Amino acid sequence: MSDVAEYARREALARFRRPAQGMLDEILFPWNLRDLLQETDGEYERLNPLAKGTPGWEADFTSWKAFYEANKNPGWLSSSQETAQAIRRRQARLADWQKQLSKAGVQTGPEVKVSGPAPLIEPPAAGWSNVGQGLERVAKWAAGAAVLYLAGRALGLGESISSRRKGSTDA
């Protein structure tokens, strides 16, 4: 079995072995995945000239490029937690490659960072600044709700629902 097929097999097995927990650990948008992909691709491209000739590197690099090409244009329906986790597993693998190269005496430059999920709720700040952040967050949610309410009124969504109730014969 080729090295690329072996990596693909391991990746598929990792998906089946993982429980379906943490589905909503973070909110992902297409641009978040695109940034993760581009950052990781840049790191692979940076290490590629240094790692050429290392056993197993070519298969990992080819496997990454196939993954990158398949996912480089994420959309609203393809921006999943699973894709983000797969990218983070690739980042961890790349960090391992960098450690191996460093042990062999190759200057690899800055360390590859494995990005974690962005927190849904930021930890509270110490002191009175926490109150200001809380009020700012409430104001943002209220503004968003007001925009949705006004958009619904402008489109006449409330009227169509209430007109159905008036004409019903359930009384």
Protein backbone atom coordinates (compact mmCIF):
# COMPACT_ATOMS: atom_id res chain seq x y z
CA MET A 1 0.00 0.00 0.00
CA SER A 2 1.38 3.44 -0.88
CA ASP A 3 2.18 5.98 1.81
CA VAL A 4 -0.57 8.34 0.60
CA ALA A 5 -3.14 5.54 0.83
CA GLU A 6 -1.89 4.71 4.33
CA TYR A 7 -2.34 8.31 5.47
CA ALA A 8 -5.82 8.39 3.96
CA ARG A 9 -6.69 5.14 5.74
CA ARG A 10 -5.47 6.50 9.09
CA GLU A 11 -7.42 9.71 8.60
CA ALA A 12 -10.61 7.77 7.83
CA LEU A 13 -10.14 5.53 10.88
CA ALA A 14 -9.60 8.57 13.10
CA ARG A 15 -12.99 9.92 12.01
CA PHE A 16 -14.79 6.71 12.95
CA ARG A 17 -13.06 6.29 16.29
CA ARG A 18 -13.83 9.82 17.48
CA PRO A 19 -17.07 10.27 19.39
CA ALA A 20 -19.52 12.89 18.17
CA GLN A 21 -18.90 15.18 21.08
CA GLY A 22 -17.78 18.75 20.88
CA MET A 23 -19.77 19.41 17.73
CA LEU A 24 -20.48 22.95 18.81
CA ASP A 25 -17.23 23.76 20.60
CA GLU A 26 -16.81 26.76 18.37
CA ILE A 27 -18.71 28.64 15.72
CA LEU A 28 -16.99 28.29 12.36
CA PHE A 29 -17.41 30.51 9.36
CA PRO A 30 -15.99 29.82 5.90
CA TRP A 31 -13.30 32.46 6.34
CA ASN A 32 -12.14 30.80 9.59
CA LEU A 33 -11.50 27.53 7.77
CA ARG A 34 -9.90 29.32 4.84
CA ASP A 35 -7.49 31.11 7.21
CA LEU A 36 -6.64 27.83 8.97
CA LEU A 37 -6.03 26.12 5.63
CA GLN A 38 -3.86 28.93 4.27
CA GLU A 39 -1.85 29.18 7.47
CA THR A 40 -1.18 25.43 7.52
CA ASP A 41 -0.41 25.35 3.79
CA GLY A 42 2.11 28.14 4.29
CA GLU A 43 3.83 26.13 7.02
CA TYR A 44 3.92 23.01 4.80
CA GLU A 45 5.39 25.07 1.96
CA ARG A 46 7.97 26.58 4.32
CA LEU A 47 9.13 23.17 5.59
CA ASN A 48 8.94 21.35 2.23
CA PRO A 49 12.39 22.39 0.93
CA LEU A 50 13.96 21.52 4.30
CA ALA A 51 12.29 18.11 4.64
CA LYS A 52 12.69 16.81 1.08
CA GLY A 53 14.38 13.45 1.13
CA THR A 54 13.21 12.62 4.65
CA PRO A 55 11.45 9.22 4.65
CA GLY A 56 7.69 9.67 4.74
CA TRP A 57 7.71 13.43 4.15
CA GLU A 58 6.78 13.25 0.47
CA ALA A 59 3.70 11.12 1.25
CA ASP A 60 2.60 13.48 4.03
CA PHE A 61 3.16 16.54 1.85
CA THR A 62 1.26 15.00 -1.09
CA SER A 63 -1.55 13.98 1.25
CA TRP A 64 -1.75 17.52 2.65
CA LYS A 65 -1.85 19.06 -0.84
CA ALA A 66 -4.73 16.76 -1.82
CA PHE A 67 -6.60 17.71 1.37
CA TYR A 68 -5.87 21.40 0.79
CA GLU A 69 -7.10 21.32 -2.82
CA ALA A 70 -10.30 19.53 -1.78
CA ASN A 71 -11.07 22.05 0.98
CA LYS A 72 -9.45 25.34 -0.09
CA ASN A 73 -12.75 27.04 -0.95
CA PRO A 74 -14.98 26.37 2.06
CA GLY A 75 -18.59 27.41 1.84
CA TRP A 76 -21.37 27.82 4.36
CA LEU A 77 -22.39 24.17 4.09
CA SER A 78 -18.86 22.77 4.12
CA SER A 79 -17.56 24.72 7.14
CA SER A 80 -17.63 21.97 9.70
CA GLN A 81 -16.05 21.23 13.02
CA GLU A 82 -14.69 18.01 11.51
CA THR A 83 -12.76 19.92 8.84
CA ALA A 84 -11.28 22.25 11.46
CA GLN A 85 -10.24 19.27 13.58
CA ALA A 86 -8.66 17.60 10.55
CA ILE A 87 -6.66 20.77 9.87
CA ARG A 88 -5.52 20.87 13.51
CA ARG A 89 -4.45 17.22 13.32
CA ARG A 90 -2.40 18.15 10.24
CA GLN A 91 -0.86 21.06 12.16
CA ALA A 92 0.11 18.67 14.97
CA ARG A 93 1.63 16.28 12.43
CA LEU A 94 3.55 19.17 10.91
CA ALA A 95 4.83 20.18 14.37
CA ASP A 96 6.06 16.60 14.82
CA TRP A 97 7.88 16.81 11.48
CA GLN A 98 9.50 20.04 12.58
CA LYS A 99 10.69 18.41 15.83
CA GLN A 100 12.15 15.48 13.90
CA LEU A 101 13.98 17.82 11.55
CA SER A 102 15.30 19.88 14.47
CA LYS A 103 16.64 16.71 16.11
CA ALA A 104 18.43 15.90 12.85
CA GLY A 105 20.13 19.31 12.98
CA VAL A 106 18.03 21.11 10.36
CA GLN A 107 17.27 24.77 11.11
CA THR A 108 13.47 24.92 10.72
CA GLY A 109 12.72 28.46 11.86
CA PRO A 110 9.81 29.40 14.11
CA GLU A 111 7.79 26.62 15.71
CA VAL A 112 4.61 25.45 14.03
CA LYS A 113 1.66 26.31 16.24
CA VAL A 114 -1.33 24.02 16.55
CA SER A 115 -4.34 26.31 16.76
CA GLY A 116 -7.10 25.43 19.17
CA PRO A 117 -10.78 26.21 18.91
CA ALA A 118 -11.75 29.82 19.39
CA PRO A 119 -13.65 30.16 22.67
CA LEU A 120 -17.37 30.76 22.38
CA ILE A 121 -17.37 32.85 25.55
CA GLU A 122 -14.36 34.90 26.44
CA PRO A 123 -13.10 34.55 30.01
CA PRO A 124 -14.13 37.48 32.20
CA ALA A 125 -11.61 40.24 32.68
CA ALA A 126 -10.60 41.29 36.17
CA GLY A 127 -12.00 44.46 37.70
CA TRP A 128 -14.59 46.90 36.43
CA SER A 129 -13.72 46.41 32.78
CA ASN A 130 -15.79 43.19 32.98
CA VAL A 131 -18.95 45.26 33.47
CA GLY A 132 -18.19 47.33 30.38
CA GLN A 133 -17.61 44.22 28.29
CA GLY A 134 -20.88 42.71 29.52
CA LEU A 135 -22.83 45.85 28.66
CA GLU A 136 -21.19 46.00 25.26
CA ARG A 137 -22.17 42.38 24.58
CA VAL A 138 -25.79 43.05 25.66
CA ALA A 139 -25.92 46.12 23.41
CA LYS A 140 -24.68 44.09 20.43
CA TRP A 141 -27.30 41.38 20.99
CA ALA A 142 -30.05 43.99 21.42
CA ALA A 143 -29.00 45.73 18.22
CA GLY A 144 -29.01 42.41 16.36
CA ALA A 145 -32.47 41.55 17.69
CA ALA A 146 -33.77 45.01 16.71
CA VAL A 147 -32.44 44.61 13.17
CA LEU A 148 -34.11 41.21 12.84
CA TYR A 149 -37.38 42.56 14.23
CA LEU A 150 -37.38 45.55 11.89
CA ALA A 151 -36.47 43.37 8.91
CA GLY A 152 -39.37 41.06 9.75
CA ARG A 153 -41.75 44.01 9.99
CA ALA A 154 -40.48 45.44 6.69
CA LEU A 155 -41.04 42.11 4.96
CA GLY A 156 -44.48 41.77 6.52
CA LEU A 157 -43.71 38.47 8.21
CA GLY A 158 -45.69 39.26 11.36
CA GLU A 159 -48.74 40.34 9.39
CA SER A 160 -48.94 37.14 7.36
CA ILE A 161 -48.84 35.04 10.53
CA SER A 162 -51.46 37.11 12.36
CA SER A 163 -53.75 37.23 9.31
CA ARG A 164 -53.83 33.43 9.27
CA ARG A 165 -54.99 33.41 12.87
CA LYS A 166 -57.80 35.90 12.21
CA GLY A 167 -59.19 33.86 9.38
CA SER A 168 -59.09 30.53 11.18
CA THR A 169 -62.29 28.68 11.97
CA ASP A 170 -61.04 26.90 15.09
CA ALA A 171 -63.20 29.02 17.43
